[in-house]
Amino acid sequence: MGNFDERQWGISASAVRAVIFAWLTWRQSRSEISSRLRPWVGLDDFKYELDHTGKPHLYVKLLNSGPLPALNAHLIVEVKPCVKEDPDEVIVSARSEKFEKKALMPSEPGHYTILLKPYPQVQTWIDAERNLSIDGTFTYALGKVKYESKFAAELWFAKPRRPDGSLKTNWRNVYAT
């Protein structure tokens, strides 16, 4: 009878270990699937350009590098000088919002043009050759789950232009959730 009890305890302990291992594996797999099987949208290109009439605009190219589509796109871009000219200067950011109902499919770029003409303060900053800071937030969804990506960029008006005449810029993806 003693051997039977030891075997029964051994089998029970093995069964408990198997259940715990299966639960941990399921939990880790679910976490990996939710972090991989989703849209991942980030900044792929950023430029300051003049259109054919000489009006300035920002060109923002976002790319969905995830395996699933990004829905209900909402892009917010804020432009302001990188630094204050004096401590008492009040800076009001120029803010632009773009909404889209179409899906941004995997590997598909989303092209956004932000016109700067509606924001006269931006042209004043450009004319004064002030470097500009751009903060971008892109929200999107897949079903009921919402995601957000942020990027930052700088337009260097105070620096000499490149040999081709284009403005020097610096941009990066900040984070994606």
C-alpha atoms as a PDB file:
ATOM      1  CA  MET A   1       0.000   0.000   0.000  1.00  0.00           C
ATOM      2  CA  GLY A   2       2.893   2.384   0.737  1.00  0.00           C
ATOM      3  CA  ASN A   3       4.284   2.016  -2.823  1.00  0.00           C
ATOM      4  CA  PHE A   4       0.866   2.740  -4.293  1.00  0.00           C
ATOM      5  CA  ASP A   5       0.588   5.997  -2.348  1.00  0.00           C
ATOM      6  CA  GLU A   6       4.061   7.104  -3.420  1.00  0.00           C
ATOM      7  CA  ARG A   7       3.223   6.399  -7.059  1.00  0.00           C
ATOM      8  CA  GLN A   8      -0.079   8.209  -6.737  1.00  0.00           C
ATOM      9  CA  TRP A   9       1.683  11.243  -5.232  1.00  0.00           C
ATOM     10  CA  GLY A  10       4.301  11.133  -8.000  1.00  0.00           C
ATOM     11  CA  ILE A  11       1.646  10.973 -10.715  1.00  0.00           C
ATOM     12  CA  SER A  12      -0.337  13.760  -9.065  1.00  0.00           C
ATOM     13  CA  ALA A  13       2.765  15.943  -8.752  1.00  0.00           C
ATOM     14  CA  SER A  14       3.616  15.310 -12.419  1.00  0.00           C
ATOM     15  CA  ALA A  15       0.067  16.205 -13.434  1.00  0.00           C
ATOM     16  CA  VAL A  16       0.209  19.455 -11.430  1.00  0.00           C
ATOM     17  CA  ARG A  17       3.577  20.313 -13.019  1.00  0.00           C
ATOM     18  CA  ALA A  18       2.161  19.599 -16.491  1.00  0.00           C
ATOM     19  CA  VAL A  19      -0.864  21.831 -15.855  1.00  0.00           C
ATOM     20  CA  ILE A  20       1.334  24.673 -14.551  1.00  0.00           C
ATOM     21  CA  PHE A  21       3.716  24.289 -17.510  1.00  0.00           C
ATOM     22  CA  ALA A  22       0.802  24.266 -19.988  1.00  0.00           C
ATOM     23  CA  TRP A  23      -0.708  27.377 -18.380  1.00  0.00           C
ATOM     24  CA  LEU A  24       2.636  29.242 -18.450  1.00  0.00           C
ATOM     25  CA  THR A  25       3.187  28.241 -22.092  1.00  0.00           C
ATOM     26  CA  TRP A  26      -0.325  29.378 -23.057  1.00  0.00           C
ATOM     27  CA  ARG A  27       0.144  32.705 -21.252  1.00  0.00           C
ATOM     28  CA  GLN A  28       3.511  33.369 -22.944  1.00  0.00           C
ATOM     29  CA  SER A  29       2.169  32.341 -26.362  1.00  0.00           C
ATOM     30  CA  ARG A  30      -0.830  34.641 -25.966  1.00  0.00           C
ATOM     31  CA  SER A  31       1.491  37.517 -25.033  1.00  0.00           C
ATOM     32  CA  GLU A  32       3.757  36.903 -28.036  1.00  0.00           C
ATOM     33  CA  ILE A  33       0.832  36.580 -30.443  1.00  0.00           C
ATOM     34  CA  SER A  34      -0.744  39.817 -29.205  1.00  0.00           C
ATOM     35  CA  SER A  35       2.556  41.687 -29.568  1.00  0.00           C
ATOM     36  CA  ARG A  36       3.355  40.301 -33.031  1.00  0.00           C
ATOM     37  CA  LEU A  37      -0.013  39.804 -34.709  1.00  0.00           C
ATOM     38  CA  ARG A  38      -1.051  43.452 -34.801  1.00  0.00           C
ATOM     39  CA  PRO A  39      -0.443  46.531 -36.890  1.00  0.00           C
ATOM     40  CA  TRP A  40       2.865  48.295 -36.218  1.00  0.00           C
ATOM     41  CA  VAL A  41       2.857  51.787 -37.733  1.00  0.00           C
ATOM     42  CA  GLY A  42       5.841  54.109 -37.602  1.00  0.00           C
ATOM     43  CA  LEU A  43       7.428  57.047 -39.378  1.00  0.00           C
ATOM     44  CA  ASP A  44       9.219  55.994 -42.575  1.00  0.00           C
ATOM     45  CA  ASP A  45      10.053  59.403 -44.077  1.00  0.00           C
ATOM     46  CA  PHE A  46       9.714  63.069 -43.170  1.00  0.00           C
ATOM     47  CA  LYS A  47      10.419  66.125 -45.341  1.00  0.00           C
ATOM     48  CA  TYR A  48       9.886  69.849 -45.605  1.00  0.00           C
ATOM     49  CA  GLU A  49       8.950  70.745 -49.179  1.00  0.00           C
ATOM     50  CA  LEU A  50       7.615  73.568 -51.308  1.00  0.00           C
ATOM     51  CA  ASP A  51       4.779  72.739 -53.698  1.00  0.00           C
ATOM     52  CA  HIS A  52       4.703  73.904 -57.343  1.00  0.00           C
ATOM     53  CA  THR A  53       3.375  77.315 -56.234  1.00  0.00           C
ATOM     54  CA  GLY A  54       6.094  77.768 -53.609  1.00  0.00           C
ATOM     55  CA  LYS A  55       3.853  77.080 -50.600  1.00  0.00           C
ATOM     56  CA  PRO A  56       5.542  75.133 -47.782  1.00  0.00           C
ATOM     57  CA  HIS A  57       4.263  71.831 -46.457  1.00  0.00           C
ATOM     58  CA  LEU A  58       5.421  68.863 -44.430  1.00  0.00           C
ATOM     59  CA  TYR A  59       5.454  65.425 -45.990  1.00  0.00           C
ATOM     60  CA  VAL A  60       4.920  62.569 -43.540  1.00  0.00           C
ATOM     61  CA  LYS A  61       5.188  58.962 -44.675  1.00  0.00           C
ATOM     62  CA  LEU A  62       4.014  56.330 -42.209  1.00  0.00           C
ATOM     63  CA  LEU A  63       4.466  52.611 -42.817  1.00  0.00           C
ATOM     64  CA  ASN A  64       2.537  49.664 -41.391  1.00  0.00           C
ATOM     65  CA  SER A  65       5.234  47.046 -40.817  1.00  0.00           C
ATOM     66  CA  GLY A  66       2.918  44.695 -38.926  1.00  0.00           C
ATOM     67  CA  PRO A  67       1.063  41.702 -40.426  1.00  0.00           C
ATOM     68  CA  LEU A  68      -2.443  43.123 -39.847  1.00  0.00           C
ATOM     69  CA  PRO A  69      -4.183  46.295 -41.118  1.00  0.00           C
ATOM     70  CA  ALA A  70      -4.346  49.543 -39.135  1.00  0.00           C
ATOM     71  CA  LEU A  71      -7.849  51.055 -39.102  1.00  0.00           C
ATOM     72  CA  ASN A  72      -9.318  54.469 -38.199  1.00  0.00           C
ATOM     73  CA  ALA A  73      -6.101  56.421 -38.672  1.00  0.00           C
ATOM     74  CA  HIS A  74      -5.762  59.737 -36.832  1.00  0.00           C
ATOM     75  CA  LEU A  75      -2.595  61.793 -37.259  1.00  0.00           C
ATOM     76  CA  ILE A  76      -1.813  64.834 -35.098  1.00  0.00           C
ATOM     77  CA  VAL A  77       1.224  66.970 -35.920  1.00  0.00           C
ATOM     78  CA  GLU A  78       2.405  69.892 -33.759  1.00  0.00           C
ATOM     79  CA  VAL A  79       5.036  72.381 -34.934  1.00  0.00           C
ATOM     80  CA  LYS A  80       6.931  74.809 -32.700  1.00  0.00           C
ATOM     81  CA  PRO A  81      10.421  76.336 -32.430  1.00  0.00           C
ATOM     82  CA  CYS A  82      13.072  74.108 -30.864  1.00  0.00           C
ATOM     83  CA  VAL A  83      14.085  76.794 -28.371  1.00  0.00           C
ATOM     84  CA  LYS A  84      12.625  80.034 -27.051  1.00  0.00           C
ATOM     85  CA  GLU A  85      14.302  83.233 -28.238  1.00  0.00           C
ATOM     86  CA  ASP A  86      13.837  84.723 -24.789  1.00  0.00           C
ATOM     87  CA  PRO A  87      12.465  83.350 -21.499  1.00  0.00           C
ATOM     88  CA  ASP A  88       9.257  85.404 -21.761  1.00  0.00           C
ATOM     89  CA  GLU A  89       8.381  84.245 -25.282  1.00  0.00           C
ATOM     90  CA  VAL A  90       4.990  82.550 -25.468  1.00  0.00           C
ATOM     91  CA  ILE A  91       4.957  79.799 -28.070  1.00  0.00           C
ATOM     92  CA  VAL A  92       1.664  78.502 -29.409  1.00  0.00           C
ATOM     93  CA  SER A  93       2.178  75.327 -31.431  1.00  0.00           C
ATOM     94  CA  ALA A  94       0.685  74.968 -34.889  1.00  0.00           C
ATOM     95  CA  ARG A  95      -1.496  71.844 -34.736  1.00  0.00           C
ATOM     96  CA  SER A  96      -2.813  69.853 -37.687  1.00  0.00           C
ATOM     97  CA  GLU A  97      -5.060  66.776 -37.576  1.00  0.00           C
ATOM     98  CA  LYS A  98      -5.786  64.245 -40.319  1.00  0.00           C
ATOM     99  CA  PHE A  99      -8.447  61.528 -40.117  1.00  0.00           C
ATOM    100  CA  GLU A 100      -8.789  58.534 -42.432  1.00  0.00           C
ATOM    101  CA  LYS A 101     -11.355  55.777 -42.589  1.00  0.00           C
ATOM    102  CA  LYS A 102      -9.406  53.545 -44.981  1.00  0.00           C
ATOM    103  CA  ALA A 103      -7.261  50.707 -43.712  1.00  0.00           C
ATOM    104  CA  LEU A 104      -3.492  50.999 -43.833  1.00  0.00           C
ATOM    105  CA  MET A 105      -2.627  47.507 -45.013  1.00  0.00           C
ATOM    106  CA  PRO A 106       0.582  45.637 -44.071  1.00  0.00           C
ATOM    107  CA  SER A 107       3.655  47.044 -45.884  1.00  0.00           C
ATOM    108  CA  GLU A 108       1.505  49.882 -47.220  1.00  0.00           C
ATOM    109  CA  PRO A 109       2.751  53.445 -46.798  1.00  0.00           C
ATOM    110  CA  GLY A 110       0.420  56.193 -45.651  1.00  0.00           C
ATOM    111  CA  HIS A 111       1.254  59.536 -47.268  1.00  0.00           C
ATOM    112  CA  TYR A 112       0.230  62.705 -45.443  1.00  0.00           C
ATOM    113  CA  THR A 113       0.751  66.304 -46.523  1.00  0.00           C
ATOM    114  CA  ILE A 114       0.452  68.978 -43.852  1.00  0.00           C
ATOM    115  CA  LEU A 115       0.016  72.418 -45.385  1.00  0.00           C
ATOM    116  CA  LEU A 116       1.771  75.153 -43.425  1.00  0.00           C
ATOM    117  CA  LYS A 117       0.043  78.127 -45.072  1.00  0.00           C
ATOM    118  CA  PRO A 118      -2.875  78.093 -42.562  1.00  0.00           C
ATOM    119  CA  TYR A 119      -0.339  78.705 -39.771  1.00  0.00           C
ATOM    120  CA  PRO A 120       1.240  82.158 -40.289  1.00  0.00           C
ATOM    121  CA  GLN A 121       3.349  81.823 -37.144  1.00  0.00           C
ATOM    122  CA  VAL A 122       5.189  78.897 -38.768  1.00  0.00           C
ATOM    123  CA  GLN A 123       6.138  81.072 -41.744  1.00  0.00           C
ATOM    124  CA  THR A 124       7.346  83.747 -39.293  1.00  0.00           C
ATOM    125  CA  TRP A 125       9.580  81.158 -37.595  1.00  0.00           C
ATOM    126  CA  ILE A 126      10.871  79.940 -40.981  1.00  0.00           C
ATOM    127  CA  ASP A 127      11.619  83.515 -42.122  1.00  0.00           C
ATOM    128  CA  ALA A 128      13.565  84.055 -38.869  1.00  0.00           C
ATOM    129  CA  GLU A 129      15.554  80.848 -39.632  1.00  0.00           C
ATOM    130  CA  ARG A 130      14.534  79.200 -36.387  1.00  0.00           C
ATOM    131  CA  ASN A 131      14.907  75.455 -36.084  1.00  0.00           C
ATOM    132  CA  LEU A 132      11.497  73.816 -35.703  1.00  0.00           C
ATOM    133  CA  SER A 133      10.460  70.848 -33.601  1.00  0.00           C
ATOM    134  CA  ILE A 134       7.677  68.562 -34.817  1.00  0.00           C
ATOM    135  CA  ASP A 135       5.853  66.099 -32.569  1.00  0.00           C
ATOM    136  CA  GLY A 136       3.579  63.575 -34.224  1.00  0.00           C
ATOM    137  CA  THR A 137       1.043  61.172 -32.778  1.00  0.00           C
ATOM    138  CA  PHE A 138      -0.614  58.517 -34.913  1.00  0.00           C
ATOM    139  CA  THR A 139      -3.481  56.543 -33.400  1.00  0.00           C
ATOM    140  CA  TYR A 140      -5.080  53.568 -35.092  1.00  0.00           C
ATOM    141  CA  ALA A 141      -7.077  50.468 -34.238  1.00  0.00           C
ATOM    142  CA  LEU A 142      -7.622  46.825 -34.995  1.00  0.00           C
ATOM    143  CA  GLY A 143     -11.108  45.857 -33.953  1.00  0.00           C
ATOM    144  CA  LYS A 144     -11.698  47.287 -30.480  1.00  0.00           C
ATOM    145  CA  VAL A 145      -7.994  47.472 -29.622  1.00  0.00           C
ATOM    146  CA  LYS A 146      -6.425  50.936 -30.009  1.00  0.00           C
ATOM    147  CA  TYR A 147      -2.752  51.592 -30.713  1.00  0.00           C
ATOM    148  CA  GLU A 148      -0.565  54.690 -30.743  1.00  0.00           C
ATOM    149  CA  SER A 149       2.752  55.609 -32.347  1.00  0.00           C
ATOM    150  CA  LYS A 150       4.737  58.779 -31.693  1.00  0.00           C
ATOM    151  CA  PHE A 151       7.501  60.390 -33.691  1.00  0.00           C
ATOM    152  CA  ALA A 152       9.674  63.472 -33.361  1.00  0.00           C
ATOM    153  CA  ALA A 153      11.396  65.523 -36.040  1.00  0.00           C
ATOM    154  CA  GLU A 154      13.406  68.696 -36.380  1.00  0.00           C
ATOM    155  CA  LEU A 155      13.696  71.065 -39.321  1.00  0.00           C
ATOM    156  CA  TRP A 156      17.030  72.858 -39.263  1.00  0.00           C
ATOM    157  CA  PHE A 157      16.436  76.258 -40.858  1.00  0.00           C
ATOM    158  CA  ALA A 158      19.414  77.770 -38.986  1.00  0.00           C
ATOM    159  CA  LYS A 159      21.857  75.378 -40.708  1.00  0.00           C
ATOM    160  CA  PRO A 160      23.067  75.607 -44.305  1.00  0.00           C
ATOM    161  CA  ARG A 161      21.028  73.559 -46.750  1.00  0.00           C
ATOM    162  CA  ARG A 162      22.319  70.423 -48.441  1.00  0.00           C
ATOM    163  CA  PRO A 163      24.066  70.752 -51.828  1.00  0.00           C
ATOM    164  CA  ASP A 164      20.815  69.780 -53.580  1.00  0.00           C
ATOM    165  CA  GLY A 165      19.038  72.673 -51.821  1.00  0.00           C
ATOM    166  CA  SER A 166      16.977  70.486 -49.492  1.00  0.00           C
ATOM    167  CA  LEU A 167      16.552  71.339 -45.849  1.00  0.00           C
ATOM    168  CA  LYS A 168      18.445  69.323 -43.257  1.00  0.00           C
ATOM    169  CA  THR A 169      16.101  67.328 -41.045  1.00  0.00           C
ATOM    170  CA  ASN A 170      16.342  64.849 -38.233  1.00  0.00           C
ATOM    171  CA  TRP A 171      13.527  62.463 -37.345  1.00  0.00           C
ATOM    172  CA  ARG A 172      12.935  59.345 -35.290  1.00  0.00           C
ATOM    173  CA  ASN A 173      10.200  57.092 -34.023  1.00  0.00           C
ATOM    174  CA  VAL A 174       9.740  57.664 -30.296  1.00  0.00           C
ATOM    175  CA  TYR A 175       7.531  54.727 -29.332  1.00  0.00           C
ATOM    176  CA  ALA A 176       4.623  52.518 -30.334  1.00  0.00           C
ATOM    177  CA  THR A 177       2.062  50.975 -28.006  1.00  0.00           C
END
